[in-house]
N, C-alpha and C. Protein backbone atom coordinates (compact mmCIF):
# COMPACT_ATOMS: atom_id res chain seq x y z
N MET A 1 -3.94 -18.11 -3.15
CA MET A 1 -2.98 -17.84 -2.09
C MET A 1 -1.82 -18.83 -2.22
N ILE A 2 -0.62 -18.31 -2.13
CA ILE A 2 0.59 -19.11 -2.21
C ILE A 2 0.92 -19.63 -0.81
N THR A 3 1.17 -20.92 -0.72
CA THR A 3 1.51 -21.50 0.58
C THR A 3 3.01 -21.77 0.65
N ARG A 4 3.45 -22.07 1.82
CA ARG A 4 4.86 -22.43 2.05
C ARG A 4 5.22 -23.65 1.21
N ASP A 5 4.30 -24.60 1.11
CA ASP A 5 4.55 -25.80 0.32
C ASP A 5 4.69 -25.48 -1.17
N ASP A 6 3.91 -24.50 -1.65
CA ASP A 6 4.03 -24.08 -3.05
C ASP A 6 5.44 -23.54 -3.33
N VAL A 7 5.93 -22.71 -2.44
CA VAL A 7 7.27 -22.14 -2.60
C VAL A 7 8.32 -23.24 -2.58
N LEU A 8 8.19 -24.18 -1.66
CA LEU A 8 9.15 -25.28 -1.58
C LEU A 8 9.10 -26.16 -2.82
N LEU A 9 7.92 -26.38 -3.37
CA LEU A 9 7.79 -27.19 -4.58
C LEU A 9 8.47 -26.52 -5.77
N VAL A 10 8.22 -25.24 -5.96
CA VAL A 10 8.85 -24.51 -7.06
C VAL A 10 10.36 -24.44 -6.85
N ALA A 11 10.79 -24.25 -5.64
CA ALA A 11 12.23 -24.23 -5.34
C ALA A 11 12.85 -25.59 -5.69
N HIS A 12 12.14 -26.65 -5.40
CA HIS A 12 12.63 -28.00 -5.74
C HIS A 12 12.76 -28.16 -7.25
N TRP A 13 11.72 -27.72 -7.99
CA TRP A 13 11.77 -27.80 -9.45
C TRP A 13 12.92 -26.98 -10.02
N ALA A 14 13.21 -25.84 -9.39
CA ALA A 14 14.29 -24.96 -9.86
C ALA A 14 15.65 -25.37 -9.31
N ARG A 15 15.65 -26.45 -8.52
CA ARG A 15 16.89 -26.94 -7.90
C ARG A 15 17.53 -25.86 -7.03
N MET A 16 16.69 -25.20 -6.25
CA MET A 16 17.15 -24.14 -5.35
C MET A 16 17.04 -24.62 -3.91
N GLU A 17 18.02 -24.28 -3.13
CA GLU A 17 17.95 -24.54 -1.70
C GLU A 17 17.63 -23.23 -1.00
N LEU A 18 16.54 -23.22 -0.25
CA LEU A 18 16.11 -22.01 0.44
C LEU A 18 16.13 -22.23 1.94
N SER A 19 16.56 -21.20 2.65
CA SER A 19 16.49 -21.26 4.11
C SER A 19 15.04 -21.02 4.54
N GLU A 20 14.74 -21.31 5.79
CA GLU A 20 13.38 -21.08 6.30
C GLU A 20 12.99 -19.61 6.18
N GLU A 21 13.94 -18.74 6.44
CA GLU A 21 13.67 -17.30 6.34
C GLU A 21 13.34 -16.93 4.89
N GLU A 22 14.09 -17.47 3.92
CA GLU A 22 13.83 -17.18 2.52
C GLU A 22 12.46 -17.70 2.10
N VAL A 23 12.08 -18.87 2.58
CA VAL A 23 10.76 -19.42 2.27
C VAL A 23 9.68 -18.49 2.78
N GLU A 24 9.81 -18.00 4.01
CA GLU A 24 8.82 -17.10 4.58
C GLU A 24 8.74 -15.80 3.79
N VAL A 25 9.91 -15.24 3.47
CA VAL A 25 9.94 -13.97 2.73
C VAL A 25 9.32 -14.15 1.35
N LEU A 26 9.69 -15.21 0.64
CA LEU A 26 9.14 -15.44 -0.70
C LEU A 26 7.64 -15.68 -0.66
N THR A 27 7.18 -16.43 0.31
CA THR A 27 5.75 -16.68 0.44
C THR A 27 5.01 -15.36 0.64
N ALA A 28 5.51 -14.53 1.53
CA ALA A 28 4.86 -13.23 1.78
C ALA A 28 4.93 -12.34 0.54
N ASP A 29 6.09 -12.29 -0.11
CA ASP A 29 6.24 -11.44 -1.30
C ASP A 29 5.31 -11.89 -2.43
N LEU A 30 5.25 -13.18 -2.69
CA LEU A 30 4.39 -13.68 -3.76
C LEU A 30 2.92 -13.43 -3.46
N ASN A 31 2.52 -13.61 -2.22
CA ASN A 31 1.14 -13.32 -1.84
C ASN A 31 0.84 -11.83 -1.97
N GLY A 32 1.81 -10.99 -1.66
CA GLY A 32 1.63 -9.55 -1.85
C GLY A 32 1.45 -9.19 -3.31
N MET A 33 2.21 -9.85 -4.19
CA MET A 33 2.06 -9.60 -5.63
C MET A 33 0.69 -10.05 -6.13
N LEU A 34 0.24 -11.19 -5.65
CA LEU A 34 -1.09 -11.66 -6.05
C LEU A 34 -2.18 -10.72 -5.55
N GLN A 35 -2.00 -10.17 -4.36
CA GLN A 35 -2.98 -9.23 -3.83
C GLN A 35 -3.02 -7.96 -4.68
N LEU A 36 -1.85 -7.47 -5.07
CA LEU A 36 -1.82 -6.28 -5.94
C LEU A 36 -2.47 -6.56 -7.28
N ALA A 37 -2.20 -7.75 -7.85
CA ALA A 37 -2.82 -8.11 -9.12
C ALA A 37 -4.34 -8.17 -8.97
N ALA A 38 -4.83 -8.69 -7.86
CA ALA A 38 -6.27 -8.75 -7.63
C ALA A 38 -6.86 -7.35 -7.51
N GLU A 39 -6.14 -6.45 -6.85
CA GLU A 39 -6.62 -5.06 -6.73
C GLU A 39 -6.69 -4.41 -8.10
N LEU A 40 -5.67 -4.63 -8.93
CA LEU A 40 -5.68 -4.06 -10.27
C LEU A 40 -6.83 -4.64 -11.10
N HIS A 41 -7.07 -5.92 -10.93
CA HIS A 41 -8.15 -6.58 -11.67
C HIS A 41 -9.51 -6.03 -11.28
N SER A 42 -9.65 -5.56 -10.06
CA SER A 42 -10.94 -5.07 -9.58
C SER A 42 -11.23 -3.63 -10.02
N ILE A 43 -10.27 -2.95 -10.61
CA ILE A 43 -10.48 -1.57 -11.04
C ILE A 43 -11.36 -1.54 -12.28
N ASP A 44 -12.33 -0.65 -12.28
CA ASP A 44 -13.24 -0.51 -13.42
C ASP A 44 -12.53 0.27 -14.52
N THR A 45 -12.26 -0.41 -15.63
CA THR A 45 -11.58 0.24 -16.76
C THR A 45 -12.51 0.39 -17.96
N GLU A 46 -13.80 0.28 -17.72
CA GLU A 46 -14.77 0.43 -18.80
C GLU A 46 -14.64 1.82 -19.41
N GLY A 47 -14.47 1.88 -20.72
CA GLY A 47 -14.37 3.15 -21.42
C GLY A 47 -12.97 3.74 -21.42
N VAL A 48 -12.02 3.08 -20.79
CA VAL A 48 -10.64 3.58 -20.80
C VAL A 48 -9.91 2.90 -21.95
N PRO A 49 -9.39 3.69 -22.89
CA PRO A 49 -8.72 3.06 -24.04
C PRO A 49 -7.40 2.41 -23.61
N PRO A 50 -7.08 1.29 -24.23
CA PRO A 50 -5.80 0.65 -23.90
C PRO A 50 -4.63 1.54 -24.30
N THR A 51 -3.57 1.46 -23.57
CA THR A 51 -2.39 2.25 -23.87
C THR A 51 -1.14 1.46 -23.56
N MET A 52 -0.07 1.80 -24.25
CA MET A 52 1.19 1.11 -24.02
C MET A 52 2.04 1.87 -22.98
N TYR A 53 1.77 3.17 -22.83
CA TYR A 53 2.57 4.00 -21.95
C TYR A 53 1.67 4.68 -20.92
N GLY A 54 2.22 4.97 -19.77
CA GLY A 54 1.46 5.65 -18.73
C GLY A 54 1.33 7.14 -18.95
N VAL A 55 2.17 7.69 -19.82
CA VAL A 55 2.11 9.12 -20.12
C VAL A 55 2.03 9.30 -21.63
N ASN A 56 1.56 10.44 -22.07
CA ASN A 56 1.47 10.69 -23.51
C ASN A 56 2.86 10.76 -24.12
N GLN A 57 3.01 10.11 -25.24
CA GLN A 57 4.28 10.14 -25.98
C GLN A 57 4.11 11.07 -27.18
N HIS A 58 5.17 11.76 -27.52
CA HIS A 58 5.11 12.61 -28.69
C HIS A 58 6.44 12.53 -29.44
N ASN A 59 6.40 12.89 -30.69
CA ASN A 59 7.57 12.83 -31.55
C ASN A 59 8.58 13.89 -31.10
N VAL A 60 9.81 13.47 -30.87
CA VAL A 60 10.83 14.41 -30.40
C VAL A 60 11.85 14.74 -31.50
N PHE A 61 11.54 14.33 -32.74
CA PHE A 61 12.45 14.63 -33.83
C PHE A 61 12.44 16.11 -34.16
N ARG A 62 13.50 16.56 -34.73
CA ARG A 62 13.58 17.94 -35.19
C ARG A 62 13.94 17.92 -36.66
N ASP A 63 13.72 19.03 -37.34
CA ASP A 63 14.08 19.12 -38.75
C ASP A 63 15.60 19.12 -38.88
N ASP A 64 16.08 18.46 -39.93
CA ASP A 64 17.52 18.49 -40.21
C ASP A 64 17.92 19.89 -40.64
N GLN A 65 19.09 20.30 -40.17
CA GLN A 65 19.62 21.59 -40.57
C GLN A 65 21.01 21.37 -41.14
N VAL A 66 21.24 21.89 -42.33
CA VAL A 66 22.53 21.76 -42.96
C VAL A 66 23.53 22.64 -42.23
N ALA A 67 24.67 22.07 -41.88
CA ALA A 67 25.71 22.82 -41.18
C ALA A 67 27.07 22.35 -41.69
N ASP A 68 28.06 23.20 -41.51
CA ASP A 68 29.41 22.83 -41.92
C ASP A 68 29.91 21.69 -41.04
N SER A 69 30.67 20.79 -41.63
CA SER A 69 31.26 19.70 -40.86
C SER A 69 32.77 19.88 -40.82
N LEU A 70 33.43 19.01 -40.08
CA LEU A 70 34.88 19.10 -39.98
C LEU A 70 35.53 18.84 -41.33
N PRO A 71 36.60 19.57 -41.64
CA PRO A 71 37.35 19.22 -42.84
C PRO A 71 37.96 17.83 -42.66
N GLN A 72 38.11 17.10 -43.75
CA GLN A 72 38.62 15.73 -43.69
C GLN A 72 39.97 15.66 -42.99
N GLU A 73 40.83 16.59 -43.26
CA GLU A 73 42.16 16.57 -42.63
C GLU A 73 42.06 16.68 -41.11
N MET A 74 41.16 17.54 -40.64
CA MET A 74 41.02 17.73 -39.20
C MET A 74 40.40 16.48 -38.56
N ALA A 75 39.44 15.85 -39.24
CA ALA A 75 38.80 14.65 -38.71
C ALA A 75 39.81 13.51 -38.60
N LEU A 76 40.75 13.43 -39.51
CA LEU A 76 41.75 12.36 -39.51
C LEU A 76 43.02 12.71 -38.75
N ALA A 77 43.09 13.92 -38.20
CA ALA A 77 44.33 14.40 -37.58
C ALA A 77 44.82 13.48 -36.46
N ASN A 78 43.95 12.93 -35.64
CA ASN A 78 44.38 12.08 -34.54
C ASN A 78 44.17 10.59 -34.81
N ALA A 79 43.83 10.24 -36.03
CA ALA A 79 43.64 8.82 -36.37
C ALA A 79 45.01 8.13 -36.34
N PRO A 80 45.10 6.96 -35.73
CA PRO A 80 46.39 6.29 -35.62
C PRO A 80 46.95 5.80 -36.95
N ASP A 81 46.07 5.48 -37.93
CA ASP A 81 46.57 4.90 -39.17
C ASP A 81 45.67 5.27 -40.36
N PRO A 82 45.57 6.59 -40.70
CA PRO A 82 44.72 6.95 -41.82
C PRO A 82 45.37 6.56 -43.15
N LYS A 83 44.54 6.32 -44.16
CA LYS A 83 45.07 6.02 -45.48
C LYS A 83 44.10 6.54 -46.53
N ASP A 84 44.60 7.31 -47.46
CA ASP A 84 43.82 7.84 -48.58
C ASP A 84 42.54 8.53 -48.14
N GLY A 85 42.59 9.24 -47.01
CA GLY A 85 41.44 10.00 -46.55
C GLY A 85 40.43 9.19 -45.76
N TYR A 86 40.78 7.97 -45.35
CA TYR A 86 39.87 7.11 -44.59
C TYR A 86 40.52 6.67 -43.29
N PHE A 87 39.70 6.25 -42.34
CA PHE A 87 40.19 5.63 -41.12
C PHE A 87 40.51 4.18 -41.43
N ARG A 88 41.70 3.74 -41.10
CA ARG A 88 42.03 2.31 -41.23
C ARG A 88 41.90 1.67 -39.86
N VAL A 89 41.31 0.50 -39.85
CA VAL A 89 41.15 -0.24 -38.59
C VAL A 89 41.63 -1.66 -38.81
N PRO A 90 42.00 -2.36 -37.72
CA PRO A 90 42.47 -3.72 -37.87
C PRO A 90 41.36 -4.63 -38.44
N LYS A 91 41.76 -5.59 -39.23
CA LYS A 91 40.84 -6.56 -39.81
C LYS A 91 40.34 -7.46 -38.67
N ILE A 92 39.03 -7.70 -38.64
CA ILE A 92 38.48 -8.53 -37.57
C ILE A 92 37.87 -9.82 -38.10
N MET A 93 37.69 -9.93 -39.40
CA MET A 93 37.10 -11.14 -39.98
C MET A 93 37.97 -11.61 -41.14
N ASP A 94 37.94 -12.91 -41.39
CA ASP A 94 38.68 -13.44 -42.54
C ASP A 94 37.91 -13.24 -43.81
């Protein structure tokens, strides 16, 4: 169980100034979290395989399909500074 003094000690270590209301709220919130953790710990998980996700995950990839792409001229039509069929951009490194 987290006490008011525990919250004040951690706040001191973190160099935090807390009002009395904040101390009360944090004490209650932290105790609530510990209670939830205790409830989870008490659940019988014997025979339940460990999992990383709460729902089944499946592969969402699709097969590649060859399709026509934009002609080079059309792709470069709105480029501010094309050169020799490429996009030119400002130099960012020496």
